[in-house]
């Protein structure tokens, strides 16, 4: 193998390693974001379940009078 060919292969290998590291960082960040979002959705589902269990699942519209009137 010539020195030039070997150098080209080393450069391509370095580029691939850099790209792999960058993608790994992106995947790790996305995994953290998905975890946070999953936790938030679970909290909202739990909160909505409690609201429905208490019978307060209705939506209050702007032109409706509150129940204390």
C-alpha atoms as a PDB file:
ATOM      1  CA  UNK A   1       0.000   0.000   0.000  1.00  0.00           C
ATOM      2  CA  UNK A   2       1.287   3.419  -0.809  1.00  0.00           C
ATOM      3  CA  UNK A   3       1.714   6.067   1.827  1.00  0.00           C
ATOM      4  CA  UNK A   4      -0.920   8.268   0.146  1.00  0.00           C
ATOM      5  CA  UNK A   5      -3.489   5.499   0.134  1.00  0.00           C
ATOM      6  CA  UNK A   6      -2.779   4.674   3.770  1.00  0.00           C
ATOM      7  CA  UNK A   7      -3.115   8.352   4.704  1.00  0.00           C
ATOM      8  CA  UNK A   8      -6.488   8.568   2.902  1.00  0.00           C
ATOM      9  CA  UNK A   9      -7.749   5.526   4.783  1.00  0.00           C
ATOM     10  CA  UNK A  10      -6.604   6.993   8.104  1.00  0.00           C
ATOM     11  CA  UNK A  11      -8.361  10.292   7.318  1.00  0.00           C
ATOM     12  CA  UNK A  12     -11.604   8.514   6.432  1.00  0.00           C
ATOM     13  CA  UNK A  13     -11.378   6.420   9.591  1.00  0.00           C
ATOM     14  CA  UNK A  14     -10.869   9.564  11.689  1.00  0.00           C
ATOM     15  CA  UNK A  15     -13.875  11.229  10.032  1.00  0.00           C
ATOM     16  CA  UNK A  16     -16.029   8.171  10.671  1.00  0.00           C
ATOM     17  CA  UNK A  17     -14.960   8.038  14.323  1.00  0.00           C
ATOM     18  CA  UNK A  18     -15.782  11.735  14.736  1.00  0.00           C
ATOM     19  CA  UNK A  19     -19.198  11.264  13.127  1.00  0.00           C
ATOM     20  CA  UNK A  20     -19.885   8.237  15.322  1.00  0.00           C
ATOM     21  CA  UNK A  21     -19.020  10.228  18.457  1.00  0.00           C
ATOM     22  CA  UNK A  22     -21.252  13.125  17.369  1.00  0.00           C
ATOM     23  CA  UNK A  23     -24.169  10.781  16.664  1.00  0.00           C
ATOM     24  CA  UNK A  24     -23.661   9.079  20.008  1.00  0.00           C
ATOM     25  CA  UNK A  25     -23.886  12.453  21.765  1.00  0.00           C
ATOM     26  CA  UNK A  26     -27.052  13.324  19.853  1.00  0.00           C
ATOM     27  CA  UNK A  27     -28.661   9.996  20.734  1.00  0.00           C
ATOM     28  CA  UNK A  28     -27.770  10.431  24.412  1.00  0.00           C
ATOM     29  CA  UNK A  29     -29.305  13.934  24.429  1.00  0.00           C
ATOM     30  CA  UNK A  30     -32.459  12.685  22.716  1.00  0.00           C
ATOM     31  CA  UNK A  31     -32.740   9.829  25.209  1.00  0.00           C
ATOM     32  CA  UNK A  32     -32.647  12.337  28.095  1.00  0.00           C
ATOM     33  CA  UNK A  33     -35.256  14.536  26.381  1.00  0.00           C
ATOM     34  CA  UNK A  34     -37.533  11.559  25.740  1.00  0.00           C
ATOM     35  CA  UNK A  35     -37.203  10.517  29.370  1.00  0.00           C
ATOM     36  CA  UNK A  36     -38.196  13.990  30.593  1.00  0.00           C
ATOM     37  CA  UNK A  37     -41.123  14.186  28.174  1.00  0.00           C
ATOM     38  CA  UNK A  38     -42.317  10.695  29.122  1.00  0.00           C
ATOM     39  CA  UNK A  39     -42.260  11.690  32.787  1.00  0.00           C
ATOM     40  CA  UNK A  40     -44.257  14.861  32.034  1.00  0.00           C
ATOM     41  CA  UNK A  41     -46.859  12.923  30.056  1.00  0.00           C
ATOM     42  CA  UNK A  42     -47.216  10.433  32.919  1.00  0.00           C
ATOM     43  CA  UNK A  43     -47.714  13.307  35.362  1.00  0.00           C
ATOM     44  CA  UNK A  44     -50.363  14.891  33.130  1.00  0.00           C
ATOM     45  CA  UNK A  45     -52.160  11.563  32.669  1.00  0.00           C
ATOM     46  CA  UNK A  46     -52.149  11.019  36.417  1.00  0.00           C
ATOM     47  CA  UNK A  47     -53.415  14.530  37.073  1.00  0.00           C
ATOM     48  CA  UNK A  48     -56.185  14.144  34.490  1.00  0.00           C
ATOM     49  CA  UNK A  49     -57.148  10.773  35.978  1.00  0.00           C
ATOM     50  CA  UNK A  50     -57.469  12.376  39.405  1.00  0.00           C
ATOM     51  CA  UNK A  51     -59.545  15.210  37.942  1.00  0.00           C
ATOM     52  CA  UNK A  52     -61.917  12.769  36.263  1.00  0.00           C
ATOM     53  CA  UNK A  53     -62.200  10.712  39.450  1.00  0.00           C
ATOM     54  CA  UNK A  54     -63.230  13.836  41.343  1.00  0.00           C
ATOM     55  CA  UNK A  55     -65.855  14.630  38.721  1.00  0.00           C
ATOM     56  CA  UNK A  56     -64.225  17.877  37.696  1.00  0.00           C
ATOM     57  CA  UNK A  57     -63.366  16.808  34.185  1.00  0.00           C
ATOM     58  CA  UNK A  58     -65.493  19.469  32.517  1.00  0.00           C
ATOM     59  CA  UNK A  59     -64.078  22.370  30.592  1.00  0.00           C
ATOM     60  CA  UNK A  60     -64.925  25.858  31.827  1.00  0.00           C
ATOM     61  CA  UNK A  61     -65.699  28.191  28.947  1.00  0.00           C
ATOM     62  CA  UNK A  62     -65.071  31.925  29.161  1.00  0.00           C
ATOM     63  CA  UNK A  63     -68.764  32.907  29.012  1.00  0.00           C
ATOM     64  CA  UNK A  64     -69.944  30.426  31.662  1.00  0.00           C
ATOM     65  CA  UNK A  65     -70.496  31.495  35.233  1.00  0.00           C
ATOM     66  CA  UNK A  66     -68.348  29.765  37.823  1.00  0.00           C
ATOM     67  CA  UNK A  67     -70.267  27.341  40.098  1.00  0.00           C
ATOM     68  CA  UNK A  68     -70.100  29.663  43.120  1.00  0.00           C
ATOM     69  CA  UNK A  69     -72.448  32.255  41.540  1.00  0.00           C
END
